[in-house]
Amino acid sequence: MISCTTTSASRWLLAGAALGLATLGQAWAQDYPARQAITLVVPASPGGTTDLAGRMLAQPLGQVLGQSVVVDNKAGGSGAIAANLVRRAAADGYTLLMQYSGFHVITPHVTAAPQWQQSDFIPVTSVLAAPQIVVVRADLPVKNLQELIAYAKANPGKLNYASSGNGSLQHVTGVQLEQQAGIQMVHVPYKGTGPALQDLLGGQVDLTFGTAPPFVPHVQSGRLRVLAVTGSERLPSLPDAPTTAEAGYPGVNASSWFGVFAPAGTPQPVIDKLAASIEQVVSEPAFAQSALQQGAKADFSAPAAFAKRVQNDYATWAGIVKSAGITAQ
């Protein structure tokens, strides 16, 4: 009899505690983010699409939320420096990660000892999506993908390609092209697309793979040449660039997403408020138009749908990395 009474009391206490936490979370979401500015940590240097996604989102999101959103670039470690900073932050919605898909669903599979886990984060929403492009320095004596491959075969090991880090999607795309075309190139990893772009413009590297936004102005000015798009369709901003499938290499197909993540434990009402506010920003025609002009597209997914997408991509890339034997050397 005493045991039954104790059990009943415990259940009432647990139910009361759960109700209290839910009420507290709802009140917190109503107040959020009145306490301080939100920091949006970007795992790359300025100049790349991950940085662009963060900066395209920050100001309008701050206007919707009524609080400043500050971009904080933390490049290095193939995204690990930024990821570790955010996963260790308070789970209160004031420190968020603007993540690049390559770092989130590919890098963990090519890293011997990953410094973070998928469970360290809650997916909030995607913001942008973009295919990779194959882009070379303007003075490289090739005009299309077929000529690049012929040049690589005639000069084995001479061509070098830049990426935003070991295990990044640029790295994996380079490996895909090597395997599909039977060529050999030298991989040169950087701390983000920005530094890689600068060395490509300076002639220190021959080519790179990356999402179009940071490259479009330099292609249009003639300083760089785009050879192909690794997506299923041509880009409106680069209409003359064929897809890799059109160029004869359908197996070289890679696209990126850029999305917002919060530390594990962030209250669901805060996640929901962030997602609704980001949807408001991404749904604006001006945001979509700006993305298209730069070679990307606005891409919103609600938290549950985005979480499923991340899970599926993580599993898919595990198989690709294993079958291709890709390592973060």
Protein backbone atom coordinates (compact mmCIF):
# COMPACT_ATOMS: atom_id res chain seq x y z
CA MET A 1 0.00 0.00 0.00
CA ILE A 2 2.81 2.38 0.88
CA SER A 3 4.65 1.37 -2.29
CA CYS A 4 1.59 2.13 -4.41
CA THR A 5 1.15 5.55 -2.80
CA THR A 6 4.83 6.37 -3.33
CA THR A 7 4.65 5.33 -6.96
CA SER A 8 1.57 7.45 -7.57
CA ALA A 9 3.19 10.42 -5.91
CA SER A 10 6.29 9.98 -8.05
CA ARG A 11 4.19 9.92 -11.19
CA TRP A 12 2.43 13.11 -10.17
CA LEU A 13 5.78 14.75 -9.45
CA LEU A 14 7.19 13.69 -12.83
CA ALA A 15 4.08 14.87 -14.66
CA GLY A 16 4.23 18.18 -12.83
CA ALA A 17 7.90 18.57 -13.65
CA ALA A 18 7.28 17.83 -17.34
CA LEU A 19 4.42 20.32 -17.44
CA GLY A 20 6.61 22.89 -15.73
CA LEU A 21 9.43 22.39 -18.23
CA ALA A 22 7.02 22.68 -21.16
CA THR A 23 5.54 25.86 -19.73
CA LEU A 24 9.02 27.24 -19.10
CA GLY A 25 10.07 26.40 -22.67
CA GLN A 26 7.01 28.15 -24.10
CA ALA A 27 7.62 31.23 -21.97
CA TRP A 28 11.27 31.20 -23.00
CA ALA A 29 10.31 31.08 -26.71
CA GLN A 30 7.92 34.01 -26.25
CA ASP A 31 10.70 36.05 -24.69
CA TYR A 32 13.46 34.78 -27.01
CA PRO A 33 15.65 36.47 -28.20
CA ALA A 34 15.22 39.55 -26.01
CA ARG A 35 18.24 38.87 -23.79
CA GLN A 36 21.17 39.36 -26.20
CA ALA A 37 22.37 39.22 -29.80
CA ILE A 38 22.42 35.87 -31.59
CA THR A 39 25.79 34.62 -32.84
CA LEU A 40 25.72 32.71 -36.13
CA VAL A 41 28.99 30.78 -36.33
CA VAL A 42 30.26 30.08 -39.87
CA PRO A 43 32.80 27.23 -40.30
CA ALA A 44 34.68 28.95 -43.13
CA SER A 45 36.56 32.12 -43.97
CA PRO A 46 34.76 35.06 -45.62
CA GLY A 47 34.29 34.73 -49.35
CA GLY A 48 32.65 31.31 -49.77
CA THR A 49 29.03 30.21 -50.07
CA THR A 50 28.78 29.17 -46.41
CA ASP A 51 29.77 32.69 -45.43
CA LEU A 52 27.41 34.13 -48.04
CA ALA A 53 24.53 32.05 -46.67
CA GLY A 54 25.24 33.34 -43.17
CA ARG A 55 25.40 36.96 -44.27
CA MET A 56 22.33 36.72 -46.51
CA LEU A 57 20.40 35.36 -43.53
CA ALA A 58 21.78 37.40 -40.62
CA GLN A 59 20.43 40.89 -41.23
CA PRO A 60 16.87 40.02 -42.34
CA LEU A 61 16.58 37.36 -39.61
CA GLY A 62 17.60 39.97 -37.05
CA GLN A 63 14.85 42.23 -38.35
CA VAL A 64 12.24 39.47 -38.05
CA LEU A 65 13.36 38.51 -34.52
CA GLY A 66 13.92 42.07 -33.34
CA GLN A 67 17.45 41.25 -32.24
CA SER A 68 20.88 41.49 -33.88
CA VAL A 69 22.29 38.37 -35.55
CA VAL A 70 26.10 38.52 -35.74
CA VAL A 71 28.15 36.39 -38.14
CA ASP A 72 31.29 34.91 -36.55
CA ASN A 73 33.70 33.17 -38.95
CA LYS A 74 35.56 30.28 -37.31
CA ALA A 75 37.41 28.50 -40.12
CA GLY A 76 39.63 25.46 -39.74
CA GLY A 77 39.65 21.77 -38.99
CA SER A 78 37.27 21.02 -41.90
CA GLY A 79 34.50 22.65 -39.90
CA ALA A 80 35.50 21.17 -36.53
CA ILE A 81 36.52 24.46 -34.90
CA ALA A 82 33.10 26.02 -35.50
CA ALA A 83 31.21 22.81 -34.69
CA ASN A 84 32.99 22.40 -31.37
CA LEU A 85 32.37 26.03 -30.42
CA VAL A 86 28.64 25.67 -31.04
CA ARG A 87 28.16 22.23 -29.49
CA ARG A 88 29.76 23.48 -26.26
CA ALA A 89 27.67 26.66 -26.17
CA ALA A 90 24.63 27.09 -23.94
CA ALA A 91 21.58 25.41 -25.50
CA ASP A 92 19.52 28.60 -25.42
CA GLY A 93 19.29 29.62 -29.08
CA TYR A 94 21.84 32.41 -28.82
CA THR A 95 24.69 30.50 -30.50
CA LEU A 96 23.88 28.81 -33.80
CA LEU A 97 25.85 27.08 -36.56
CA MET A 98 25.49 27.97 -40.24
CA GLN A 99 26.60 24.58 -41.53
CA TYR A 100 27.81 23.38 -44.92
CA SER A 101 26.64 19.92 -45.94
CA GLY A 102 30.12 18.71 -46.86
CA PHE A 103 31.38 19.34 -43.33
CA HIS A 104 28.27 17.88 -41.71
CA VAL A 105 27.57 14.68 -43.64
CA ILE A 106 30.85 13.88 -45.45
CA THR A 107 33.76 14.97 -43.25
CA PRO A 108 32.77 12.69 -40.32
CA HIS A 109 33.18 9.67 -42.61
CA VAL A 110 36.70 10.57 -43.73
CA THR A 111 38.02 11.68 -40.34
CA ALA A 112 39.77 9.04 -38.23
CA ALA A 113 38.63 10.55 -34.91
CA PRO A 114 35.68 12.95 -35.37
CA GLN A 115 35.56 15.66 -32.70
CA TRP A 116 31.76 15.90 -32.68
CA GLN A 117 28.71 13.73 -33.31
CA GLN A 118 25.44 14.22 -35.18
CA SER A 119 23.67 14.03 -31.82
CA ASP A 120 25.50 17.18 -30.67
CA PHE A 121 23.18 19.30 -32.83
CA ILE A 122 19.53 19.91 -33.62
CA PRO A 123 18.82 20.65 -37.31
CA VAL A 124 16.75 23.85 -37.53
CA THR A 125 16.34 24.46 -41.26
CA SER A 126 18.12 24.64 -44.57
CA VAL A 127 18.66 28.07 -46.16
CA LEU A 128 20.43 27.63 -49.52
CA ALA A 129 21.16 24.81 -51.94
CA ALA A 130 23.62 24.81 -54.83
CA PRO A 131 25.42 22.41 -57.17
CA GLN A 132 29.19 22.45 -57.48
CA ILE A 133 30.92 23.90 -60.53
CA VAL A 134 34.25 22.97 -62.08
CA VAL A 135 36.22 26.20 -62.44
CA VAL A 136 39.79 26.80 -63.66
CA ARG A 137 42.19 29.73 -63.82
CA ALA A 138 41.74 31.62 -67.09
CA ASP A 139 45.24 30.92 -68.40
CA LEU A 140 44.98 27.14 -68.06
CA PRO A 141 45.00 25.87 -71.69
CA VAL A 142 41.59 24.14 -71.52
CA LYS A 143 38.19 25.36 -72.68
CA ASN A 144 35.90 22.53 -71.50
CA LEU A 145 35.80 19.46 -69.28
CA GLN A 146 36.96 17.10 -72.02
CA GLU A 147 40.05 19.26 -72.65
CA LEU A 148 40.76 19.38 -68.89
CA ILE A 149 40.72 15.59 -68.73
CA ALA A 150 42.92 15.29 -71.82
CA TYR A 151 45.37 17.77 -70.27
CA ALA A 152 45.39 15.82 -66.98
CA LYS A 153 46.10 12.56 -68.82
CA ALA A 154 48.95 14.16 -70.73
CA ASN A 155 50.35 15.64 -67.50
CA PRO A 156 49.69 13.07 -64.73
CA GLY A 157 50.02 14.52 -61.25
CA LYS A 158 50.72 18.04 -62.57
CA LEU A 159 47.25 19.56 -62.11
CA ASN A 160 46.33 20.62 -58.57
CA TYR A 161 42.88 21.42 -57.28
CA ALA A 162 41.86 23.44 -54.24
CA SER A 163 39.13 22.58 -51.74
CA SER A 164 37.70 24.09 -48.57
CA GLY A 165 39.26 21.30 -46.52
CA ASN A 166 39.93 17.58 -46.26
CA GLY A 167 36.69 15.67 -46.56
CA SER A 168 34.79 18.65 -47.96
CA LEU A 169 32.42 18.19 -50.89
CA GLN A 170 34.99 19.90 -53.14
CA HIS A 171 37.52 17.24 -52.11
CA VAL A 172 35.04 14.44 -52.76
CA THR A 173 34.02 15.93 -56.13
CA GLY A 174 37.67 16.02 -57.16
CA VAL A 175 38.05 12.36 -56.23
CA GLN A 176 34.88 11.52 -58.18
CA LEU A 177 36.26 13.20 -61.30
CA GLU A 178 39.62 11.43 -60.92
CA GLN A 179 37.90 8.07 -60.66
CA GLN A 180 35.35 8.67 -63.42
CA ALA A 181 37.91 10.06 -65.89
CA GLY A 182 40.90 7.95 -64.91
CA ILE A 183 43.14 10.91 -64.12
CA GLN A 184 45.45 11.91 -61.28
CA MET A 185 45.49 15.35 -59.65
CA VAL A 186 46.97 16.84 -56.47
CA HIS A 187 44.54 17.90 -53.76
CA VAL A 188 45.33 21.16 -51.92
CA PRO A 189 43.04 21.76 -48.88
CA TYR A 190 42.32 25.27 -47.56
CA LYS A 191 40.44 26.73 -44.59
CA GLY A 192 37.38 27.56 -46.67
CA THR A 193 36.47 28.56 -50.21
CA GLY A 194 37.59 32.17 -49.74
CA PRO A 195 41.32 31.42 -49.38
CA ALA A 196 41.10 28.75 -52.10
CA LEU A 197 39.52 31.28 -54.46
CA GLN A 198 42.26 33.81 -53.80
CA ASP A 199 44.98 31.31 -54.69
CA LEU A 200 43.07 30.23 -57.78
CA LEU A 201 42.90 33.85 -58.91
CA GLY A 202 46.58 34.22 -58.11
CA GLY A 203 47.57 31.17 -60.13
CA GLN A 204 48.84 29.12 -57.18
CA VAL A 205 46.31 26.37 -57.97
CA ASP A 206 44.87 25.25 -61.31
CA LEU A 207 41.23 24.52 -60.56
CA THR A 208 38.65 23.95 -57.90
CA PHE A 209 35.14 22.65 -57.35
CA GLY A 210 32.65 24.71 -55.41
CA THR A 211 29.23 26.27 -55.29
CA ALA A 212 28.89 29.08 -57.82
CA PRO A 213 28.20 32.28 -55.78
CA PRO A 214 31.79 33.31 -54.96
CA PHE A 215 33.03 32.43 -58.46
CA VAL A 216 30.36 34.01 -60.69
CA PRO A 217 31.79 37.59 -60.63
CA HIS A 218 35.24 36.33 -61.58
CA VAL A 219 33.86 34.12 -64.36
CA GLN A 220 31.93 37.09 -65.72
CA SER A 221 35.04 39.29 -65.58
CA GLY A 222 37.10 36.68 -67.45
CA ARG A 223 39.54 35.95 -64.63
CA LEU A 224 38.21 32.40 -64.23
CA ARG A 225 36.59 29.90 -66.59
CA VAL A 226 33.78 27.53 -65.63
CA LEU A 227 33.87 24.16 -67.38
CA ALA A 228 30.82 22.34 -66.02
CA VAL A 229 28.06 22.22 -63.43
CA THR A 230 27.85 19.10 -61.26
CA GLY A 231 24.07 19.30 -60.81
CA SER A 232 21.27 17.94 -62.95
CA GLU A 233 20.49 21.31 -64.58
CA ARG A 234 22.40 24.30 -65.93
CA LEU A 235 22.56 27.40 -63.75
CA PRO A 236 20.68 30.57 -64.77
CA SER A 237 23.71 32.60 -63.69
CA LEU A 238 26.05 30.49 -65.89
CA PRO A 239 23.82 29.43 -68.80
CA ASP A 240 26.67 28.44 -71.12
CA ALA A 241 28.22 25.97 -68.68
CA PRO A 242 27.08 22.40 -69.46
CA THR A 243 26.31 19.86 -66.77
CA THR A 244 28.83 17.11 -66.13
CA ALA A 245 26.29 14.67 -67.59
CA GLU A 246 26.16 16.70 -70.81
CA ALA A 247 29.96 16.66 -70.86
CA GLY A 248 29.96 12.87 -70.66
CA TYR A 249 30.57 12.31 -66.94
CA PRO A 250 27.18 11.77 -65.21
CA GLY A 251 28.88 10.10 -62.25
CA VAL A 252 30.34 13.45 -61.18
CA ASN A 253 27.24 14.83 -59.52
CA ALA A 254 27.42 16.78 -56.27
CA SER A 255 25.27 19.47 -54.70
CA SER A 256 25.50 21.27 -51.37
CA TRP A 257 23.03 22.58 -48.83
CA PHE A 258 23.65 25.23 -46.21
CA GLY A 259 21.56 25.14 -43.06
CA VAL A 260 21.21 26.29 -39.47
CA PHE A 261 21.88 24.01 -36.49
CA ALA A 262 21.48 24.58 -32.75
CA PRO A 263 23.23 22.84 -29.83
CA ALA A 264 21.53 19.68 -28.59
CA GLY A 265 19.15 20.45 -25.75
CA THR A 266 17.86 23.73 -27.19
CA PRO A 267 14.14 23.93 -26.24
CA GLN A 268 11.78 22.92 -29.02
CA PRO A 269 9.77 26.17 -28.81
CA VAL A 270 13.00 28.08 -29.54
CA ILE A 271 13.78 25.77 -32.49
CA ASP A 272 10.26 26.29 -33.84
CA LYS A 273 10.49 30.07 -33.48
CA LEU A 274 13.83 30.14 -35.26
CA ALA A 275 12.53 27.94 -38.08
CA ALA A 276 9.40 30.07 -38.58
CA SER A 277 11.48 33.25 -38.62
CA ILE A 278 14.00 31.80 -41.10
CA GLU A 279 11.16 30.61 -43.32
CA GLN A 280 9.87 34.18 -43.40
CA VAL A 281 13.29 35.40 -44.60
CA VAL A 282 13.96 32.63 -47.14
CA SER A 283 10.45 32.94 -48.61
CA GLU A 284 10.97 36.58 -49.56
CA PRO A 285 11.24 37.03 -53.36
CA ALA A 286 14.27 39.30 -52.90
CA PHE A 287 16.12 36.52 -51.05
CA ALA A 288 15.29 33.97 -53.73
CA GLN A 289 16.30 36.33 -56.53
CA SER A 290 19.60 37.17 -54.86
CA ALA A 291 20.38 33.47 -54.48
CA LEU A 292 19.58 32.70 -58.13
CA GLN A 293 21.73 35.56 -59.41
CA GLN A 294 24.69 34.05 -57.62
CA GLY A 295 24.20 30.45 -58.67
CA ALA A 296 22.26 29.08 -55.68
CA LYS A 297 18.61 28.77 -54.72
CA ALA A 298 16.57 29.53 -51.64
CA ASP A 299 15.90 26.24 -49.87
CA PHE A 300 13.73 26.05 -46.74
CA SER A 301 12.93 22.83 -44.89
CA ALA A 302 11.02 22.63 -41.61
CA PRO A 303 12.96 21.13 -38.66
CA ALA A 304 11.61 17.58 -38.96
CA ALA A 305 12.05 17.47 -42.75
CA PHE A 306 15.54 18.95 -42.51
CA ALA A 307 16.52 16.45 -39.82
CA LYS A 308 15.38 13.59 -42.07
CA ARG A 309 17.32 15.03 -44.98
CA VAL A 310 20.49 15.30 -42.90
CA GLN A 311 20.06 11.71 -41.68
CA ASN A 312 19.56 10.38 -45.21
CA ASP A 313 22.51 12.36 -46.64
CA TYR A 314 24.74 11.17 -43.81
CA ALA A 315 23.93 7.54 -44.63
CA THR A 316 24.26 8.07 -48.38
CA TRP A 317 27.68 9.70 -48.16
CA ALA A 318 28.90 6.99 -45.79
CA GLY A 319 28.42 4.51 -48.62
CA ILE A 320 29.99 6.77 -51.26
CA VAL A 321 33.05 7.53 -49.14
CA LYS A 322 33.57 3.86 -48.30
CA SER A 323 33.18 2.63 -51.87
CA ALA A 324 35.49 5.36 -53.20
CA GLY A 325 38.10 4.82 -50.48
CA ILE A 326 38.24 8.56 -49.71
CA THR A 327 40.37 9.59 -46.74
CA ALA A 328 41.27 12.95 -45.20
CA GLN A 329 44.96 12.65 -46.09
